[in-house]
Amino acid sequence: MLDESTLRTLNADHLFDGGDLDCGSGLVLLIREAMLRVPVDGILEMRSSESTVADDLPPWCRMVGHEFLGSLPGERTMRYFVRRGAKIAAEEACQLAADRERAKAYEWRVRVRSTGGQKSSAYFRNFALDIGQAASFEERDAHPSAVEYLLSALAGDLATGYFGACSRRQLEVDDVEITVNGRLHNVMAHLGSEDGDPSFAAIELKCYVTSFADEKILRGAWDDTLRRSPLATTLAKATELTTKMVVV
């Protein structure tokens, strides 16, 4: 690795901002794409606000044949410098294509087991969570309902995604809070006391952003987040999904 004074003199051939992505959530795929814009023996500068990249990037570089040159602190990010390796230059495009196809075909797996008593347990990766009945009207329950998990997942998808979109644009955001309201067409149909449609009639979502950044750019990041959200785009096809962003 190079010393700090030498790193500061480097002129990167390409600059790539990885935002707050970690290596397990698509960052490596994006690094491969960025590296194709760098000539052999050229330098890629990657900026990241995710702390785990410092540990994960050097061994990945060694594994694939690039040279990790070191890192420097930046403004709210770390700056990482990588020299493109010569040995695998011809293989890089093929490997990227293979990685892209694997990513497109990836399937998430969840196993759920119910033992009765209005409770099921879901297991995925290293996580386990308890799910109550599909919908509940009580003020307090032992377990969240499936409807609440769905709305929470939607809000979590957008809140995390929006913070990442702002990070990639170098926007300083102090806080992101999302509220979601959901209403069914006919909850009695779900309960089995009437015929009807138990699906969602409407979902209303508001995102409150605390930031002094330019509001136009903040709204552009929000629009980009909605377009890239797996849950928002899926639910928008199935029900009336309305969203609003408020800068406070």
Protein backbone atom coordinates (compact mmCIF):
# COMPACT_ATOMS: atom_id res chain seq x y z
CA MET A 1 0.00 0.00 0.00
CA LEU A 2 1.04 3.60 -0.56
CA ASP A 3 1.66 6.12 2.18
CA GLU A 4 -0.76 8.99 2.79
CA SER A 5 1.35 11.65 1.09
CA THR A 6 1.63 9.55 -2.08
CA LEU A 7 -2.08 8.77 -2.09
CA ARG A 8 -2.85 12.49 -2.01
CA THR A 9 -0.88 12.99 -5.23
CA LEU A 10 -2.80 10.34 -7.18
CA ASN A 11 -4.99 11.33 -10.10
CA ALA A 12 -7.69 8.69 -10.48
CA ASP A 13 -8.78 7.62 -13.94
CA HIS A 14 -12.34 7.20 -12.71
CA LEU A 15 -14.25 8.25 -9.60
CA PHE A 16 -17.05 6.06 -8.25
CA ASP A 17 -19.27 6.80 -5.24
CA GLY A 18 -20.56 3.67 -3.52
CA GLY A 19 -22.66 5.57 -0.97
CA ASP A 20 -23.51 3.44 2.05
CA LEU A 21 -23.64 0.09 0.23
CA ASP A 22 -21.60 -2.75 1.69
CA CYS A 23 -19.84 -5.45 -0.28
CA GLY A 24 -22.66 -7.91 0.34
CA SER A 25 -25.42 -5.65 -1.01
CA GLY A 26 -24.26 -5.08 -4.58
CA LEU A 27 -21.20 -2.87 -4.08
CA VAL A 28 -18.79 -5.42 -5.59
CA LEU A 29 -20.92 -5.64 -8.73
CA LEU A 30 -20.85 -1.84 -9.07
CA ILE A 31 -17.09 -1.78 -8.48
CA ARG A 32 -16.61 -4.25 -11.33
CA GLU A 33 -18.68 -2.02 -13.61
CA ALA A 34 -16.68 1.05 -12.59
CA MET A 35 -13.39 -0.79 -13.10
CA LEU A 36 -14.21 -1.34 -16.78
CA ARG A 37 -13.86 2.43 -17.22
CA VAL A 38 -10.30 2.29 -15.93
CA PRO A 39 -7.36 1.31 -18.19
CA VAL A 40 -5.01 -1.48 -17.20
CA ASP A 41 -2.72 -0.16 -14.43
CA GLY A 42 -5.06 2.82 -14.09
CA ILE A 43 -6.56 3.89 -10.78
CA LEU A 44 -10.12 3.78 -9.53
CA GLU A 45 -11.06 6.03 -6.64
CA MET A 46 -14.10 4.77 -4.76
CA ARG A 47 -15.82 6.80 -2.05
CA SER A 48 -17.87 5.07 0.60
CA SER A 49 -19.56 5.93 3.87
CA GLU A 50 -19.94 2.24 4.87
CA SER A 51 -17.37 1.30 7.53
CA THR A 52 -17.18 -2.42 6.64
CA VAL A 53 -15.72 -1.60 3.21
CA ALA A 54 -12.37 -0.89 4.89
CA ASP A 55 -12.10 -4.55 5.92
CA ASP A 56 -13.78 -6.16 2.89
CA LEU A 57 -12.26 -4.28 -0.05
CA PRO A 58 -8.53 -5.18 0.34
CA PRO A 59 -9.05 -8.99 0.41
CA TRP A 60 -11.48 -8.74 -2.53
CA CYS A 61 -8.82 -6.87 -4.51
CA ARG A 62 -6.24 -9.57 -3.75
CA MET A 63 -8.70 -12.29 -4.73
CA VAL A 64 -9.56 -10.85 -8.15
CA GLY A 65 -6.12 -9.48 -9.03
CA HIS A 66 -6.40 -5.73 -8.43
CA GLU A 67 -3.97 -3.80 -6.23
CA PHE A 68 -5.41 -2.04 -3.21
CA LEU A 69 -3.35 1.14 -2.82
CA GLY A 70 -4.84 2.49 0.41
CA SER A 71 -7.43 4.92 1.70
CA LEU A 72 -7.82 8.52 2.83
CA PRO A 73 -10.49 10.21 4.92
CA GLY A 74 -12.81 12.40 2.87
CA GLU A 75 -15.76 14.64 3.60
CA ARG A 76 -18.20 12.29 5.40
CA THR A 77 -16.70 9.39 3.40
CA MET A 78 -13.55 7.33 3.00
CA ARG A 79 -11.63 7.48 -0.27
CA TYR A 80 -10.32 4.10 -1.47
CA PHE A 81 -7.78 3.73 -4.27
CA VAL A 82 -7.48 0.59 -6.41
CA ARG A 83 -5.12 -0.07 -9.32
CA ARG A 84 -6.64 -2.20 -12.06
CA GLY A 85 -4.74 -5.45 -12.46
CA ALA A 86 -3.29 -6.46 -15.83
CA LYS A 87 -3.61 -10.22 -15.48
CA ILE A 88 -7.40 -10.28 -15.36
CA ALA A 89 -8.15 -7.32 -17.63
CA ALA A 90 -9.41 -9.57 -20.40
CA GLU A 91 -11.54 -11.57 -17.96
CA GLU A 92 -13.13 -8.58 -16.20
CA ALA A 93 -15.99 -8.06 -18.66
CA CYS A 94 -16.82 -11.78 -18.69
CA GLN A 95 -16.77 -11.95 -14.90
CA LEU A 96 -18.98 -8.86 -14.67
CA ALA A 97 -21.48 -10.40 -17.08
CA ALA A 98 -21.55 -13.60 -15.01
CA ASP A 99 -22.02 -11.63 -11.78
CA ARG A 100 -24.87 -9.63 -13.31
CA GLU A 101 -26.66 -12.81 -14.40
CA ARG A 102 -26.25 -14.37 -10.96
CA ALA A 103 -27.63 -11.21 -9.37
CA LYS A 104 -30.64 -11.18 -11.71
CA ALA A 105 -31.41 -14.81 -10.90
CA TYR A 106 -30.92 -14.51 -7.14
CA GLU A 107 -33.77 -15.77 -4.97
CA TRP A 108 -34.38 -14.80 -1.35
CA ARG A 109 -35.49 -17.69 0.83
CA VAL A 110 -37.68 -17.58 3.93
CA ARG A 111 -38.96 -20.52 5.96
CA VAL A 112 -42.04 -20.05 8.16
CA ARG A 113 -43.42 -22.45 10.74
CA SER A 114 -46.70 -22.08 12.61
CA THR A 115 -47.56 -23.87 15.84
CA GLY A 116 -50.98 -22.27 16.26
CA GLY A 117 -52.06 -19.62 18.70
CA GLN A 118 -52.04 -16.78 16.14
CA LYS A 119 -48.28 -17.00 15.77
CA SER A 120 -45.81 -18.07 13.13
CA SER A 121 -42.02 -17.89 13.20
CA ALA A 122 -40.06 -16.86 10.12
CA TYR A 123 -36.43 -17.86 9.57
CA PHE A 124 -34.06 -16.38 7.01
CA ARG A 125 -30.28 -16.09 6.92
CA ASN A 126 -29.23 -15.50 10.56
CA PHE A 127 -32.57 -13.98 11.57
CA ALA A 128 -35.77 -15.20 13.17
CA LEU A 129 -38.91 -13.17 13.82
CA ASP A 130 -42.39 -13.86 15.13
CA ILE A 131 -45.48 -12.91 13.13
CA GLY A 132 -48.93 -12.63 14.61
CA GLN A 133 -52.27 -12.81 12.79
CA ALA A 134 -52.68 -11.27 9.36
CA ALA A 135 -54.46 -8.14 10.67
CA SER A 136 -55.17 -6.97 14.20
CA PHE A 137 -57.31 -4.18 15.69
CA GLU A 138 -55.90 -4.41 19.22
CA GLU A 139 -53.82 -1.70 20.83
CA ARG A 140 -51.37 -4.30 22.12
CA ASP A 141 -50.49 -7.78 20.89
CA ALA A 142 -47.81 -10.29 21.61
CA HIS A 143 -46.56 -10.17 18.01
CA PRO A 144 -46.82 -7.73 15.08
CA SER A 145 -49.36 -8.60 12.40
CA ALA A 146 -48.44 -9.59 8.86
CA VAL A 147 -50.00 -6.35 7.57
CA GLU A 148 -47.76 -4.31 9.87
CA TYR A 149 -44.69 -6.22 8.73
CA LEU A 150 -45.55 -5.50 5.11
CA LEU A 151 -46.02 -1.77 5.74
CA SER A 152 -42.87 -1.67 7.87
CA ALA A 153 -40.89 -3.42 5.16
CA LEU A 154 -42.09 -0.87 2.60
CA ALA A 155 -41.12 2.05 4.83
CA GLY A 156 -37.77 0.46 5.71
CA ASP A 157 -37.01 -0.17 2.04
CA LEU A 158 -37.62 3.49 1.21
CA ALA A 159 -35.98 5.01 4.29
CA THR A 160 -32.75 3.05 3.84
CA GLY A 161 -32.84 3.50 0.08
CA TYR A 162 -33.35 7.25 0.39
CA PHE A 163 -30.48 7.68 2.81
CA GLY A 164 -28.28 5.81 0.34
CA ALA A 165 -29.47 7.93 -2.60
CA CYS A 166 -28.63 11.10 -0.65
CA SER A 167 -25.23 9.70 0.34
CA ARG A 168 -24.34 9.01 -3.29
CA ARG A 169 -25.22 12.63 -4.11
CA GLN A 170 -23.07 13.91 -1.22
CA LEU A 171 -26.17 15.36 0.46
CA GLU A 172 -25.98 15.83 4.21
CA VAL A 173 -29.19 14.49 5.76
CA ASP A 174 -29.77 14.59 9.51
CA ASP A 175 -32.87 12.43 9.73
CA VAL A 176 -35.35 10.45 7.62
CA GLU A 177 -38.70 9.40 9.06
CA ILE A 178 -41.50 7.66 7.17
CA THR A 179 -45.11 7.15 8.21
CA VAL A 180 -47.39 4.68 6.44
CA ASN A 181 -51.17 4.22 6.59
CA GLY A 182 -52.84 1.21 4.98
CA ARG A 183 -56.51 0.42 4.42
CA LEU A 184 -58.11 -2.82 3.16
CA HIS A 185 -61.03 -2.99 0.75
CA ASN A 186 -63.01 -5.19 3.12
CA VAL A 187 -61.48 -6.50 6.31
CA MET A 188 -64.66 -8.51 6.95
CA ALA A 189 -63.79 -10.58 3.89
CA HIS A 190 -60.47 -11.40 5.50
CA LEU A 191 -62.28 -12.40 8.71
CA GLY A 192 -64.60 -14.65 6.71
CA SER A 193 -67.87 -12.99 7.73
CA GLU A 194 -68.55 -11.45 4.29
CA ASP A 195 -67.76 -12.08 0.66
CA GLY A 196 -65.52 -9.43 -0.80
CA ASP A 197 -62.02 -8.23 -1.50
CA PRO A 198 -59.56 -8.44 1.44
CA SER A 199 -56.70 -6.77 -0.45
CA PHE A 200 -55.27 -3.33 0.22
CA ALA A 201 -57.48 -0.51 -1.07
CA ALA A 202 -54.84 2.17 -0.51
CA ILE A 203 -51.47 2.80 1.07
CA GLU A 204 -50.41 6.34 1.93
CA LEU A 205 -46.77 7.07 2.72
CA LYS A 206 -45.10 10.28 3.87
CA CYS A 207 -41.36 10.79 4.12
CA TYR A 208 -40.06 13.56 6.41
CA VAL A 209 -36.49 14.65 5.68
CA THR A 210 -34.39 16.88 7.92
CA SER A 211 -31.72 18.54 5.80
CA PHE A 212 -30.36 21.93 4.73
CA ALA A 213 -29.48 20.58 1.28
CA ASP A 214 -31.08 21.90 -1.90
CA GLU A 215 -34.72 20.78 -1.90
CA LYS A 216 -34.78 20.12 -5.64
CA ILE A 217 -31.87 17.68 -5.33
CA LEU A 218 -33.46 16.08 -2.25
CA ARG A 219 -36.67 15.49 -4.20
CA GLY A 220 -34.71 14.07 -7.12
CA ALA A 221 -33.11 11.56 -4.76
CA TRP A 222 -36.58 10.64 -3.44
CA ASP A 223 -37.96 10.09 -6.95
CA ASP A 224 -34.94 7.91 -7.75
CA THR A 225 -35.51 5.92 -4.54
CA LEU A 226 -39.14 5.22 -5.49
CA ARG A 227 -38.15 4.08 -8.98
CA ARG A 228 -35.56 1.66 -7.58
CA SER A 229 -37.62 0.25 -4.69
CA PRO A 230 -38.63 -3.42 -5.13
CA LEU A 231 -41.51 -3.09 -2.66
CA ALA A 232 -42.87 0.31 -3.75
CA THR A 233 -42.89 -0.61 -7.44
CA THR A 234 -44.54 -3.97 -6.72
CA LEU A 235 -47.25 -2.56 -4.45
CA ALA A 236 -47.94 0.29 -6.87
CA LYS A 237 -48.98 -2.33 -9.44
CA ALA A 238 -51.40 -3.94 -7.00
CA THR A 239 -53.01 -1.04 -5.14
CA GLU A 240 -53.28 2.73 -4.90
CA LEU A 241 -49.93 3.79 -3.50
CA THR A 242 -49.47 7.51 -2.83
CA THR A 243 -46.24 9.00 -1.56
CA LYS A 244 -45.23 12.44 -0.35
CA MET A 245 -41.89 13.88 0.73
CA VAL A 246 -41.66 16.80 3.16
CA VAL A 247 -38.44 18.68 3.94
CA VAL A 248 -38.37 19.90 7.54
